[in-house]
């Protein structure tokens, strides 16, 4: 059963927390993580890119010049792709990028990402994760004490003080526990959260 230290806001160890094997002790398989990350990124794509082909560009109904006798190459329309203002050849058309990944696989990948973060020692648990006021400087000081780099902050629910204090800091993202996902866990080096949040995650994924 994986165990992590629990800190206070001054980075003093106040105890240890045993994590659930079924959530934080899952063997990591890179191909499962890759599949779910590709699925997440594909879902974000709008698929609305569109250009006009030669049949969709307005105008060009009249033949620019007669077929023979001018000494120039024959041409049937001024909307040909080789003309300026003409259509586009093989350009993007609206499409659906959505993939199908079973819900069980997505849950398993989330457990694997959490397990990997614990193995990499990028999982910081704070006993009572609260700020007394909305102040960016206070959160920057907290990051300095914990040597945090690119950081994912996971909250058990709405916390105006933390959310507003951290929202302008580069390379910091605030997520609530229900929005936890594989891509963000792998994309951020450090994850910081409270004991209450860990319990909420275990309850949801166990």
N, C-alpha and C. Protein backbone atom coordinates (compact mmCIF):
# COMPACT_ATOMS: atom_id res chain seq x y z
N UNK A 1 0.85 -1.20 0.00
CA UNK A 1 0.00 0.00 0.00
C UNK A 1 0.88 1.25 0.00
N UNK A 2 0.77 2.12 -1.01
CA UNK A 2 1.63 3.31 -1.07
C UNK A 2 1.32 4.27 0.08
N UNK A 3 2.39 4.90 0.59
CA UNK A 3 2.26 5.84 1.70
C UNK A 3 2.95 7.15 1.32
N UNK A 4 2.32 8.28 1.64
CA UNK A 4 2.92 9.59 1.36
C UNK A 4 2.90 10.43 2.63
N UNK A 5 3.84 11.36 2.70
CA UNK A 5 3.86 12.29 3.82
C UNK A 5 2.75 13.32 3.69
N UNK A 6 2.24 13.75 4.85
CA UNK A 6 1.24 14.83 4.88
C UNK A 6 1.92 16.05 5.50
N UNK A 7 1.80 17.18 4.82
CA UNK A 7 2.49 18.40 5.26
C UNK A 7 1.48 19.45 5.72
N UNK A 8 1.99 20.42 6.48
CA UNK A 8 1.20 21.63 6.71
C UNK A 8 1.69 22.69 5.72
N UNK A 9 1.15 23.89 5.79
CA UNK A 9 1.49 24.91 4.80
C UNK A 9 2.91 25.42 4.94
N UNK A 10 3.57 25.11 6.05
CA UNK A 10 4.98 25.50 6.24
C UNK A 10 5.93 24.39 5.79
N UNK A 11 5.42 23.36 5.18
CA UNK A 11 6.14 22.17 4.69
C UNK A 11 6.75 21.37 5.84
N UNK A 12 6.08 21.34 6.96
CA UNK A 12 6.48 20.47 8.06
C UNK A 12 5.64 19.20 7.99
N UNK A 13 6.27 18.05 8.16
CA UNK A 13 5.55 16.77 8.09
C UNK A 13 4.70 16.62 9.34
N UNK A 14 3.40 16.45 9.13
CA UNK A 14 2.48 16.30 10.26
C UNK A 14 1.98 14.87 10.42
N UNK A 15 2.31 14.01 9.48
CA UNK A 15 1.88 12.61 9.55
C UNK A 15 2.07 11.93 8.21
N UNK A 16 1.52 10.73 8.12
CA UNK A 16 1.58 9.98 6.88
C UNK A 16 0.18 9.50 6.50
N UNK A 17 -0.01 9.32 5.21
CA UNK A 17 -1.31 8.91 4.70
C UNK A 17 -1.14 7.67 3.84
N UNK A 18 -1.89 6.62 4.21
CA UNK A 18 -1.88 5.40 3.39
C UNK A 18 -2.89 5.54 2.27
N UNK A 19 -2.41 5.34 1.06
CA UNK A 19 -3.27 5.49 -0.12
C UNK A 19 -3.83 4.14 -0.54
N UNK A 20 -4.97 4.17 -1.16
CA UNK A 20 -5.63 2.94 -1.60
C UNK A 20 -4.84 2.28 -2.73
N UNK A 21 -4.59 0.97 -2.58
CA UNK A 21 -3.90 0.21 -3.62
C UNK A 21 -4.68 0.19 -4.92
N UNK A 22 -6.00 0.18 -4.82
CA UNK A 22 -6.83 0.05 -6.02
C UNK A 22 -6.89 1.34 -6.83
N UNK A 23 -6.39 2.46 -6.26
CA UNK A 23 -6.40 3.74 -6.97
C UNK A 23 -4.98 4.25 -7.21
N UNK A 24 -4.11 4.16 -6.19
CA UNK A 24 -2.77 4.74 -6.28
C UNK A 24 -1.66 3.69 -6.39
N UNK A 25 -2.04 2.41 -6.48
CA UNK A 25 -1.03 1.36 -6.59
C UNK A 25 -1.25 0.47 -7.79
N UNK A 26 -1.76 1.05 -8.87
CA UNK A 26 -2.09 0.28 -10.08
C UNK A 26 -0.86 0.21 -10.99
N UNK A 27 -0.54 -0.99 -11.55
CA UNK A 27 0.58 -1.09 -12.50
C UNK A 27 0.33 -0.17 -13.70
N UNK A 28 1.38 0.55 -14.09
CA UNK A 28 1.24 1.55 -15.16
C UNK A 28 1.56 0.93 -16.52
N UNK A 29 0.66 1.11 -17.47
CA UNK A 29 0.86 0.63 -18.84
C UNK A 29 0.78 1.84 -19.78
N UNK A 30 1.89 2.13 -20.43
CA UNK A 30 1.99 3.36 -21.21
C UNK A 30 1.02 3.39 -22.39
N UNK A 31 0.72 2.24 -22.98
CA UNK A 31 -0.16 2.25 -24.15
C UNK A 31 -1.60 2.63 -23.77
N UNK A 32 -2.00 2.29 -22.53
CA UNK A 32 -3.35 2.67 -22.07
C UNK A 32 -3.41 4.19 -21.85
N UNK A 33 -2.35 4.73 -21.22
CA UNK A 33 -2.29 6.18 -21.01
C UNK A 33 -2.30 6.92 -22.34
N UNK A 34 -1.53 6.41 -23.30
CA UNK A 34 -1.46 7.05 -24.61
C UNK A 34 -2.82 7.08 -25.30
N UNK A 35 -3.52 5.96 -25.24
CA UNK A 35 -4.83 5.88 -25.88
C UNK A 35 -5.81 6.90 -25.30
N UNK A 36 -5.80 7.04 -23.98
CA UNK A 36 -6.75 7.96 -23.34
C UNK A 36 -6.35 9.43 -23.58
N UNK A 37 -5.05 9.71 -23.61
CA UNK A 37 -4.61 11.08 -23.90
C UNK A 37 -5.00 11.47 -25.33
N UNK A 38 -4.80 10.57 -26.29
CA UNK A 38 -5.21 10.85 -27.67
C UNK A 38 -6.73 11.07 -27.74
N UNK A 39 -7.47 10.27 -26.98
CA UNK A 39 -8.93 10.40 -26.93
C UNK A 39 -9.33 11.79 -26.39
N UNK A 40 -8.67 12.22 -25.31
CA UNK A 40 -8.99 13.52 -24.71
C UNK A 40 -8.70 14.67 -25.68
N UNK A 41 -7.52 14.61 -26.31
CA UNK A 41 -7.14 15.69 -27.22
C UNK A 41 -8.04 15.71 -28.45
N UNK A 42 -8.46 14.52 -28.90
CA UNK A 42 -9.34 14.46 -30.06
C UNK A 42 -10.70 15.07 -29.74
N UNK A 43 -11.19 14.88 -28.51
CA UNK A 43 -12.49 15.43 -28.12
C UNK A 43 -12.47 16.96 -28.10
N UNK A 44 -11.27 17.54 -27.91
CA UNK A 44 -11.18 19.00 -27.85
C UNK A 44 -11.23 19.64 -29.24
N UNK A 45 -11.01 18.86 -30.27
CA UNK A 45 -10.95 19.42 -31.62
C UNK A 45 -12.36 19.72 -32.13
N UNK A 46 -12.54 20.91 -32.66
CA UNK A 46 -13.87 21.31 -33.14
C UNK A 46 -14.22 20.62 -34.45
N UNK A 47 -13.22 20.40 -35.30
CA UNK A 47 -13.48 19.76 -36.59
C UNK A 47 -14.29 20.64 -37.53
N UNK A 48 -14.16 21.98 -37.38
CA UNK A 48 -14.95 22.90 -38.21
C UNK A 48 -14.12 23.57 -39.31
N UNK A 49 -12.83 23.19 -39.45
CA UNK A 49 -12.01 23.80 -40.51
C UNK A 49 -12.61 23.49 -41.87
N UNK A 50 -12.69 24.51 -42.73
CA UNK A 50 -13.39 24.34 -44.00
C UNK A 50 -12.85 25.32 -45.02
N UNK A 51 -12.58 24.83 -46.25
CA UNK A 51 -12.23 25.70 -47.36
C UNK A 51 -13.18 25.39 -48.53
N UNK A 52 -13.23 26.29 -49.51
CA UNK A 52 -14.12 26.11 -50.65
C UNK A 52 -13.38 25.48 -51.83
N UNK A 53 -14.00 24.49 -52.41
CA UNK A 53 -13.48 23.91 -53.64
C UNK A 53 -13.91 24.74 -54.84
N UNK A 54 -13.51 24.33 -56.03
CA UNK A 54 -13.79 25.14 -57.22
C UNK A 54 -15.29 25.25 -57.51
N UNK A 55 -16.05 24.25 -57.09
CA UNK A 55 -17.49 24.29 -57.34
C UNK A 55 -18.23 25.18 -56.35
N UNK A 56 -17.55 25.57 -55.24
CA UNK A 56 -18.21 26.36 -54.19
C UNK A 56 -17.85 27.84 -54.25
N UNK A 57 -16.79 28.20 -54.95
CA UNK A 57 -16.39 29.61 -55.03
C UNK A 57 -17.34 30.34 -55.97
N UNK A 58 -17.80 31.52 -55.57
CA UNK A 58 -18.77 32.26 -56.40
C UNK A 58 -18.10 32.83 -57.65
N UNK A 59 -18.88 32.95 -58.70
CA UNK A 59 -18.37 33.49 -59.96
C UNK A 59 -17.74 32.41 -60.82
N UNK A 60 -17.10 32.85 -61.92
CA UNK A 60 -16.39 31.89 -62.77
C UNK A 60 -17.27 31.13 -63.73
N UNK A 61 -18.49 31.59 -63.94
CA UNK A 61 -19.39 30.85 -64.83
C UNK A 61 -19.05 31.02 -66.31
N UNK A 62 -18.48 32.14 -66.63
CA UNK A 62 -18.16 32.42 -68.04
C UNK A 62 -16.76 31.91 -68.39
N UNK A 63 -16.61 31.34 -69.56
CA UNK A 63 -15.30 30.89 -70.02
C UNK A 63 -14.43 32.13 -70.28
N UNK A 64 -13.23 32.20 -69.65
CA UNK A 64 -12.43 33.43 -69.74
C UNK A 64 -12.09 33.85 -71.17
N UNK A 65 -11.76 32.92 -72.04
CA UNK A 65 -11.50 33.22 -73.45
C UNK A 65 -11.81 31.98 -74.28
N UNK A 66 -11.86 32.17 -75.57
CA UNK A 66 -12.26 31.06 -76.43
C UNK A 66 -11.23 29.93 -76.35
N UNK A 67 -11.67 28.75 -76.70
CA UNK A 67 -10.86 27.54 -76.52
C UNK A 67 -9.57 27.58 -77.34
N UNK A 68 -9.65 28.05 -78.60
CA UNK A 68 -8.49 27.96 -79.48
C UNK A 68 -8.21 29.31 -80.14
N UNK A 69 -6.99 29.45 -80.58
CA UNK A 69 -6.66 30.60 -81.41
C UNK A 69 -6.06 31.79 -80.69
N UNK A 70 -5.97 31.75 -79.35
CA UNK A 70 -5.42 32.92 -78.63
C UNK A 70 -3.93 32.75 -78.34
N UNK A 71 -3.42 31.55 -78.45
CA UNK A 71 -2.02 31.30 -78.10
C UNK A 71 -1.82 31.02 -76.62
N UNK A 72 -2.87 31.18 -75.83
CA UNK A 72 -2.77 30.89 -74.39
C UNK A 72 -3.32 29.50 -74.08
N UNK A 73 -2.99 29.02 -72.87
CA UNK A 73 -3.50 27.72 -72.47
C UNK A 73 -5.02 27.79 -72.35
N UNK A 74 -5.68 26.69 -72.69
CA UNK A 74 -7.14 26.67 -72.59
C UNK A 74 -7.59 26.80 -71.14
N UNK A 75 -8.70 27.43 -70.91
CA UNK A 75 -9.22 27.63 -69.56
C UNK A 75 -10.73 27.66 -69.61
N UNK A 76 -11.35 26.95 -68.67
CA UNK A 76 -12.81 26.86 -68.67
C UNK A 76 -13.46 27.73 -67.61
N UNK A 77 -12.71 28.11 -66.56
CA UNK A 77 -13.29 28.91 -65.47
C UNK A 77 -12.19 29.68 -64.75
N UNK A 78 -12.53 30.87 -64.30
CA UNK A 78 -11.56 31.68 -63.53
C UNK A 78 -11.49 31.24 -62.08
N UNK A 79 -12.29 30.24 -61.71
CA UNK A 79 -12.26 29.72 -60.33
C UNK A 79 -11.49 28.40 -60.23
N UNK A 80 -10.68 28.12 -61.25
CA UNK A 80 -9.81 26.95 -61.23
C UNK A 80 -8.79 27.08 -60.08
N UNK A 81 -8.41 26.00 -59.43
CA UNK A 81 -7.43 26.08 -58.33
C UNK A 81 -6.08 26.69 -58.72
N UNK A 82 -5.76 26.70 -60.01
CA UNK A 82 -4.46 27.28 -60.42
C UNK A 82 -4.55 28.79 -60.61
N UNK A 83 -5.74 29.36 -60.49
CA UNK A 83 -5.93 30.80 -60.64
C UNK A 83 -6.01 31.46 -59.26
N UNK A 84 -5.57 32.71 -59.19
CA UNK A 84 -5.75 33.51 -57.97
C UNK A 84 -7.25 33.74 -57.75
N UNK A 85 -7.72 33.47 -56.54
CA UNK A 85 -9.15 33.59 -56.25
C UNK A 85 -9.95 32.34 -56.57
N UNK A 86 -9.23 31.29 -56.99
CA UNK A 86 -9.92 30.05 -57.31
C UNK A 86 -10.15 29.18 -56.08
N UNK A 87 -10.67 27.99 -56.31
CA UNK A 87 -10.93 27.06 -55.21
C UNK A 87 -9.64 26.44 -54.68
N UNK A 88 -9.77 25.65 -53.62
CA UNK A 88 -8.62 24.98 -53.00
C UNK A 88 -8.70 23.49 -53.27
N UNK A 89 -7.55 22.91 -53.60
CA UNK A 89 -7.51 21.47 -53.87
C UNK A 89 -7.29 20.69 -52.58
N UNK A 90 -8.10 19.72 -52.31
CA UNK A 90 -7.94 18.80 -51.16
C UNK A 90 -7.78 19.54 -49.83
N UNK A 91 -8.52 20.63 -49.67
CA UNK A 91 -8.45 21.38 -48.41
C UNK A 91 -9.25 20.70 -47.32
N UNK A 92 -9.13 21.19 -46.08
CA UNK A 92 -9.88 20.58 -44.97
C UNK A 92 -11.38 20.77 -45.12
N UNK A 93 -12.12 19.75 -44.69
CA UNK A 93 -13.58 19.78 -44.68
C UNK A 93 -14.06 19.42 -43.27
N UNK A 94 -15.24 19.87 -42.86
CA UNK A 94 -15.74 19.53 -41.51
C UNK A 94 -15.75 18.03 -41.29
N UNK A 95 -15.26 17.63 -40.10
CA UNK A 95 -15.22 16.21 -39.78
C UNK A 95 -15.30 16.02 -38.27
N UNK A 96 -15.62 14.83 -37.86
CA UNK A 96 -15.75 14.49 -36.44
C UNK A 96 -14.52 13.71 -36.00
N UNK A 97 -13.79 14.23 -35.01
CA UNK A 97 -12.56 13.59 -34.55
C UNK A 97 -12.80 12.65 -33.37
N UNK A 98 -14.02 12.51 -32.94
CA UNK A 98 -14.31 11.75 -31.72
C UNK A 98 -13.89 10.30 -31.84
N UNK A 99 -13.30 9.79 -30.75
CA UNK A 99 -12.89 8.39 -30.66
C UNK A 99 -13.78 7.69 -29.63
N UNK A 100 -13.78 6.39 -29.68
CA UNK A 100 -14.52 5.61 -28.68
C UNK A 100 -13.52 4.88 -27.79
N UNK A 101 -13.54 5.21 -26.50
CA UNK A 101 -12.72 4.51 -25.51
C UNK A 101 -13.65 4.10 -24.38
N UNK A 102 -13.69 2.82 -24.03
CA UNK A 102 -14.60 2.37 -22.96
C UNK A 102 -14.39 3.11 -21.64
N UNK A 103 -15.46 3.29 -20.92
CA UNK A 103 -15.40 4.02 -19.64
C UNK A 103 -14.44 3.33 -18.66
N UNK A 104 -14.43 2.00 -18.66
CA UNK A 104 -13.54 1.26 -17.76
C UNK A 104 -12.07 1.55 -18.07
N UNK A 105 -11.76 1.68 -19.35
CA UNK A 105 -10.38 1.97 -19.75
C UNK A 105 -10.00 3.39 -19.31
N UNK A 106 -10.93 4.33 -19.43
CA UNK A 106 -10.65 5.72 -19.02
C UNK A 106 -10.42 5.80 -17.51
N UNK A 107 -11.21 5.06 -16.75
CA UNK A 107 -11.03 5.05 -15.28
C UNK A 107 -9.70 4.40 -14.91
N UNK A 108 -9.37 3.31 -15.60
CA UNK A 108 -8.11 2.62 -15.34
C UNK A 108 -6.93 3.53 -15.64
N UNK A 109 -6.99 4.27 -16.75
CA UNK A 109 -5.91 5.18 -17.13
C UNK A 109 -5.74 6.29 -16.09
N UNK A 110 -6.85 6.77 -15.52
CA UNK A 110 -6.77 7.80 -14.49
C UNK A 110 -6.07 7.26 -13.25
N UNK A 111 -6.39 6.02 -12.87
CA UNK A 111 -5.71 5.39 -11.73
C UNK A 111 -4.22 5.22 -12.02
N UNK A 112 -3.89 4.83 -13.25
CA UNK A 112 -2.48 4.66 -13.63
C UNK A 112 -1.72 5.98 -13.56
N UNK A 113 -2.36 7.06 -14.02
CA UNK A 113 -1.72 8.37 -13.98
C UNK A 113 -1.47 8.82 -12.54
N UNK A 114 -2.43 8.57 -11.66
CA UNK A 114 -2.26 8.89 -10.24
C UNK A 114 -1.16 8.04 -9.62
N UNK A 115 -1.13 6.76 -9.97
CA UNK A 115 -0.10 5.85 -9.45
C UNK A 115 1.29 6.29 -9.90
N UNK A 116 1.41 6.71 -11.17
CA UNK A 116 2.69 7.16 -11.69
C UNK A 116 3.15 8.43 -10.99
N UNK A 117 2.21 9.32 -10.68
CA UNK A 117 2.56 10.56 -10.00
C UNK A 117 3.08 10.29 -8.59
N UNK A 118 2.50 9.28 -7.91
CA UNK A 118 2.98 8.89 -6.58
C UNK A 118 4.39 8.28 -6.69
N UNK A 119 4.61 7.44 -7.69
CA UNK A 119 5.93 6.83 -7.90
C UNK A 119 6.99 7.88 -8.19
N UNK A 120 6.61 8.92 -8.93
CA UNK A 120 7.56 9.98 -9.29
C UNK A 120 7.77 11.00 -8.18
N UNK A 121 7.10 10.80 -7.05
CA UNK A 121 7.18 11.71 -5.89
C UNK A 121 6.76 13.13 -6.26
N UNK A 122 5.79 13.22 -7.16
CA UNK A 122 5.26 14.52 -7.54
C UNK A 122 3.88 14.75 -6.94
N UNK A 123 3.55 13.98 -5.90
CA UNK A 123 2.22 14.00 -5.29
C UNK A 123 2.36 14.57 -3.88
N UNK A 124 1.91 15.82 -3.70
CA UNK A 124 2.06 16.49 -2.40
C UNK A 124 0.69 16.62 -1.73
N UNK A 125 0.61 16.10 -0.50
CA UNK A 125 -0.66 16.15 0.25
C UNK A 125 -0.50 17.12 1.41
N UNK A 126 -1.44 18.05 1.52
CA UNK A 126 -1.43 19.04 2.60
C UNK A 126 -2.60 18.76 3.52
N UNK A 127 -2.33 18.85 4.81
CA UNK A 127 -3.34 18.52 5.82
C UNK A 127 -4.57 19.42 5.66
N UNK A 128 -4.36 20.73 5.76
CA UNK A 128 -5.46 21.68 5.58
C UNK A 128 -5.01 22.71 4.55
N UNK A 129 -5.49 22.54 3.33
CA UNK A 129 -5.06 23.38 2.22
C UNK A 129 -6.00 24.57 2.10
N UNK A 130 -5.67 25.65 2.83
CA UNK A 130 -6.51 26.85 2.80
C UNK A 130 -5.62 28.09 2.82
N UNK A 131 -6.14 29.18 2.29
CA UNK A 131 -5.47 30.48 2.38
C UNK A 131 -6.39 31.43 3.14
N UNK A 132 -5.79 32.38 3.85
CA UNK A 132 -6.57 33.30 4.68
C UNK A 132 -7.15 34.46 3.87
N UNK A 133 -6.61 34.67 2.66
CA UNK A 133 -7.06 35.81 1.85
C UNK A 133 -6.75 35.54 0.39
N UNK A 134 -7.30 36.37 -0.48
CA UNK A 134 -6.99 36.27 -1.91
C UNK A 134 -5.74 37.09 -2.17
N UNK A 135 -4.63 36.41 -2.36
CA UNK A 135 -3.37 37.12 -2.62
C UNK A 135 -2.42 36.20 -3.38
N UNK A 136 -2.05 36.62 -4.58
CA UNK A 136 -1.18 35.81 -5.42
C UNK A 136 0.16 35.57 -4.75
N UNK A 137 0.68 36.57 -4.06
CA UNK A 137 1.99 36.47 -3.42
C UNK A 137 2.02 35.33 -2.39
N UNK A 138 0.90 35.12 -1.69
CA UNK A 138 0.83 34.04 -0.71
C UNK A 138 0.95 32.68 -1.38
N UNK A 139 0.31 32.53 -2.54
CA UNK A 139 0.39 31.24 -3.24
C UNK A 139 1.77 31.03 -3.84
N UNK A 140 2.38 32.08 -4.35
CA UNK A 140 3.75 31.97 -4.88
C UNK A 140 4.71 31.56 -3.77
N UNK A 141 4.51 32.10 -2.57
CA UNK A 141 5.33 31.70 -1.42
C UNK A 141 5.16 30.23 -1.08
N UNK A 142 3.92 29.74 -1.18
CA UNK A 142 3.65 28.32 -0.93
C UNK A 142 4.38 27.45 -1.95
N UNK A 143 4.35 27.87 -3.23
CA UNK A 143 5.05 27.12 -4.27
C UNK A 143 6.55 27.08 -4.01
N UNK A 144 7.09 28.19 -3.54
CA UNK A 144 8.52 28.24 -3.24
C UNK A 144 8.90 27.30 -2.11
N UNK A 145 8.07 27.25 -1.08
CA UNK A 145 8.37 26.36 0.07
C UNK A 145 8.36 24.90 -0.34
N UNK A 146 7.49 24.53 -1.27
CA UNK A 146 7.36 23.14 -1.67
C UNK A 146 8.16 22.80 -2.94
N UNK A 147 8.96 23.77 -3.42
CA UNK A 147 9.77 23.56 -4.63
C UNK A 147 8.91 23.08 -5.80
N UNK A 148 7.78 23.71 -5.98
CA UNK A 148 6.85 23.29 -7.04
C UNK A 148 7.24 23.93 -8.36
N UNK A 149 7.11 23.16 -9.43
CA UNK A 149 7.35 23.68 -10.77
C UNK A 149 6.04 23.88 -11.49
N UNK A 150 5.86 23.15 -12.57
CA UNK A 150 4.60 23.18 -13.31
C UNK A 150 3.58 22.38 -12.47
N UNK A 151 2.58 23.07 -11.93
CA UNK A 151 1.79 22.49 -10.85
C UNK A 151 0.31 22.39 -11.18
N UNK A 152 -0.26 21.25 -10.82
CA UNK A 152 -1.70 21.03 -10.89
C UNK A 152 -2.25 21.05 -9.47
N UNK A 153 -3.15 21.99 -9.21
CA UNK A 153 -3.77 22.11 -7.88
C UNK A 153 -5.16 21.48 -7.96
N UNK A 154 -5.40 20.47 -7.14
CA UNK A 154 -6.68 19.77 -7.15
C UNK A 154 -7.44 20.11 -5.87
N UNK A 155 -8.65 20.61 -6.03
CA UNK A 155 -9.47 21.02 -4.88
C UNK A 155 -10.68 20.10 -4.74
N UNK A 156 -11.13 19.85 -3.50
CA UNK A 156 -12.32 19.00 -3.31
C UNK A 156 -13.61 19.70 -3.71
N UNK A 157 -13.57 21.02 -3.79
CA UNK A 157 -14.75 21.80 -4.15
C UNK A 157 -14.35 23.23 -4.42
N UNK A 158 -15.32 24.13 -4.49
CA UNK A 158 -15.04 25.54 -4.77
C UNK A 158 -14.29 26.18 -3.61
N UNK A 159 -13.16 26.83 -3.93
CA UNK A 159 -12.39 27.56 -2.92
C UNK A 159 -11.96 28.88 -3.57
N UNK A 160 -12.70 29.93 -3.29
CA UNK A 160 -12.46 31.21 -3.95
C UNK A 160 -11.07 31.76 -3.68
N UNK A 161 -10.58 31.60 -2.44
CA UNK A 161 -9.28 32.16 -2.08
C UNK A 161 -8.15 31.52 -2.89
N UNK A 162 -8.16 30.19 -2.98
CA UNK A 162 -7.09 29.50 -3.72
C UNK A 162 -7.24 29.72 -5.22
N UNK A 163 -8.46 29.60 -5.72
CA UNK A 163 -8.68 29.73 -7.17
C UNK A 163 -8.28 31.11 -7.67
N UNK A 164 -8.63 32.16 -6.94
CA UNK A 164 -8.30 33.51 -7.40
C UNK A 164 -6.85 33.87 -7.13
N UNK A 165 -6.25 33.28 -6.10
CA UNK A 165 -4.85 33.58 -5.80
C UNK A 165 -3.91 32.94 -6.81
N UNK A 166 -4.32 31.82 -7.41
CA UNK A 166 -3.42 31.07 -8.29
C UNK A 166 -3.71 31.26 -9.77
N UNK A 167 -4.80 31.94 -10.12
CA UNK A 167 -5.23 31.93 -11.52
C UNK A 167 -4.31 32.73 -12.46
N UNK A 168 -3.52 33.67 -11.92
CA UNK A 168 -2.64 34.47 -12.77
C UNK A 168 -1.20 33.97 -12.78
N UNK A 169 -0.93 32.85 -12.13
CA UNK A 169 0.44 32.35 -12.06
C UNK A 169 0.70 31.44 -13.25
N UNK A 170 1.79 31.68 -14.01
CA UNK A 170 2.10 30.81 -15.16
C UNK A 170 2.35 29.37 -14.72
N UNK A 171 1.96 28.43 -15.56
CA UNK A 171 2.22 27.00 -15.33
C UNK A 171 1.56 26.46 -14.07
N UNK A 172 0.46 27.06 -13.67
CA UNK A 172 -0.34 26.54 -12.55
C UNK A 172 -1.78 26.39 -13.04
N UNK A 173 -2.36 25.24 -12.81
CA UNK A 173 -3.75 25.01 -13.20
C UNK A 173 -4.55 24.53 -11.99
N UNK A 174 -5.75 25.08 -11.84
CA UNK A 174 -6.64 24.71 -10.76
C UNK A 174 -7.72 23.78 -11.30
N UNK A 175 -7.90 22.64 -10.65
CA UNK A 175 -8.95 21.70 -11.04
C UNK A 175 -9.71 21.27 -9.80
N UNK A 176 -10.99 21.02 -9.95
CA UNK A 176 -11.73 20.37 -8.87
C UNK A 176 -11.66 18.86 -9.09
N UNK A 177 -11.82 18.11 -8.04
CA UNK A 177 -11.56 16.66 -8.09
C UNK A 177 -12.39 15.96 -9.15
N UNK A 178 -13.62 16.44 -9.39
CA UNK A 178 -14.46 15.77 -10.39
C UNK A 178 -13.95 16.02 -11.82
N UNK A 179 -13.08 17.02 -11.99
CA UNK A 179 -12.53 17.30 -13.32
C UNK A 179 -11.15 16.71 -13.54
N UNK A 180 -10.68 15.90 -12.60
CA UNK A 180 -9.36 15.30 -12.71
C UNK A 180 -9.28 14.42 -13.96
N UNK A 181 -8.20 14.54 -14.71
CA UNK A 181 -8.09 13.79 -15.96
C UNK A 181 -6.65 13.38 -16.23
N UNK A 182 -6.50 12.42 -17.14
CA UNK A 182 -5.19 11.82 -17.42
C UNK A 182 -4.24 12.84 -18.04
N UNK A 183 -4.72 13.61 -19.00
CA UNK A 183 -3.83 14.53 -19.71
C UNK A 183 -3.18 15.53 -18.76
N UNK A 184 -3.98 16.15 -17.89
CA UNK A 184 -3.42 17.15 -16.97
C UNK A 184 -2.48 16.51 -15.95
N UNK A 185 -2.78 15.31 -15.49
CA UNK A 185 -1.88 14.64 -14.54
C UNK A 185 -0.51 14.37 -15.17
N UNK A 186 -0.50 14.01 -16.44
CA UNK A 186 0.77 13.73 -17.11
C UNK A 186 1.46 15.01 -17.57
N UNK A 187 0.69 16.06 -17.80
CA UNK A 187 1.24 17.30 -18.35
C UNK A 187 1.89 18.18 -17.29
N UNK A 188 1.49 18.00 -16.03
CA UNK A 188 2.04 18.82 -14.95
C UNK A 188 2.98 17.99 -14.07
N UNK A 189 4.11 18.58 -13.71
CA UNK A 189 5.12 17.85 -12.95
C UNK A 189 4.67 17.53 -11.53
N UNK A 190 4.04 18.51 -10.87
CA UNK A 190 3.65 18.34 -9.48
C UNK A 190 2.13 18.42 -9.33
N UNK A 191 1.62 17.63 -8.39
CA UNK A 191 0.20 17.68 -8.04
C UNK A 191 0.13 17.97 -6.55
N UNK A 192 -0.65 18.98 -6.18
CA UNK A 192 -0.79 19.33 -4.77
C UNK A 192 -2.28 19.36 -4.42
N UNK A 193 -2.62 18.74 -3.30
CA UNK A 193 -4.02 18.63 -2.90
C UNK A 193 -4.12 18.37 -1.41
N UNK A 194 -5.34 18.41 -0.89
CA UNK A 194 -5.57 18.22 0.54
C UNK A 194 -5.93 16.77 0.83
N UNK A 195 -5.91 16.40 2.12
CA UNK A 195 -6.32 15.05 2.54
C UNK A 195 -7.77 14.79 2.15
N UNK A 196 -8.62 15.79 2.34
CA UNK A 196 -10.03 15.64 1.99
C UNK A 196 -10.20 15.31 0.51
N UNK A 197 -9.37 15.94 -0.31
CA UNK A 197 -9.45 15.73 -1.75
C UNK A 197 -9.02 14.30 -2.11
N UNK A 198 -7.99 13.79 -1.43
CA UNK A 198 -7.53 12.41 -1.66
C UNK A 198 -8.67 11.44 -1.35
N UNK A 199 -9.33 11.66 -0.23
CA UNK A 199 -10.44 10.78 0.16
C UNK A 199 -11.57 10.83 -0.88
N UNK A 200 -11.82 12.01 -1.40
CA UNK A 200 -12.88 12.16 -2.41
C UNK A 200 -12.52 11.44 -3.70
N UNK A 201 -11.26 11.48 -4.08
CA UNK A 201 -10.80 10.79 -5.29
C UNK A 201 -10.89 9.28 -5.10
N UNK A 202 -10.46 8.81 -3.95
CA UNK A 202 -10.52 7.36 -3.67
C UNK A 202 -11.97 6.89 -3.66
N UNK A 203 -12.84 7.68 -3.11
CA UNK A 203 -14.27 7.30 -3.05
C UNK A 203 -14.85 7.21 -4.46
N UNK A 204 -14.42 8.11 -5.35
CA UNK A 204 -14.96 8.13 -6.70
C UNK A 204 -14.41 7.00 -7.56
N UNK A 205 -13.15 6.62 -7.34
CA UNK A 205 -12.49 5.65 -8.23
C UNK A 205 -12.35 4.24 -7.67
N UNK A 206 -12.55 4.08 -6.37
CA UNK A 206 -12.34 2.76 -5.77
C UNK A 206 -13.35 1.75 -6.30
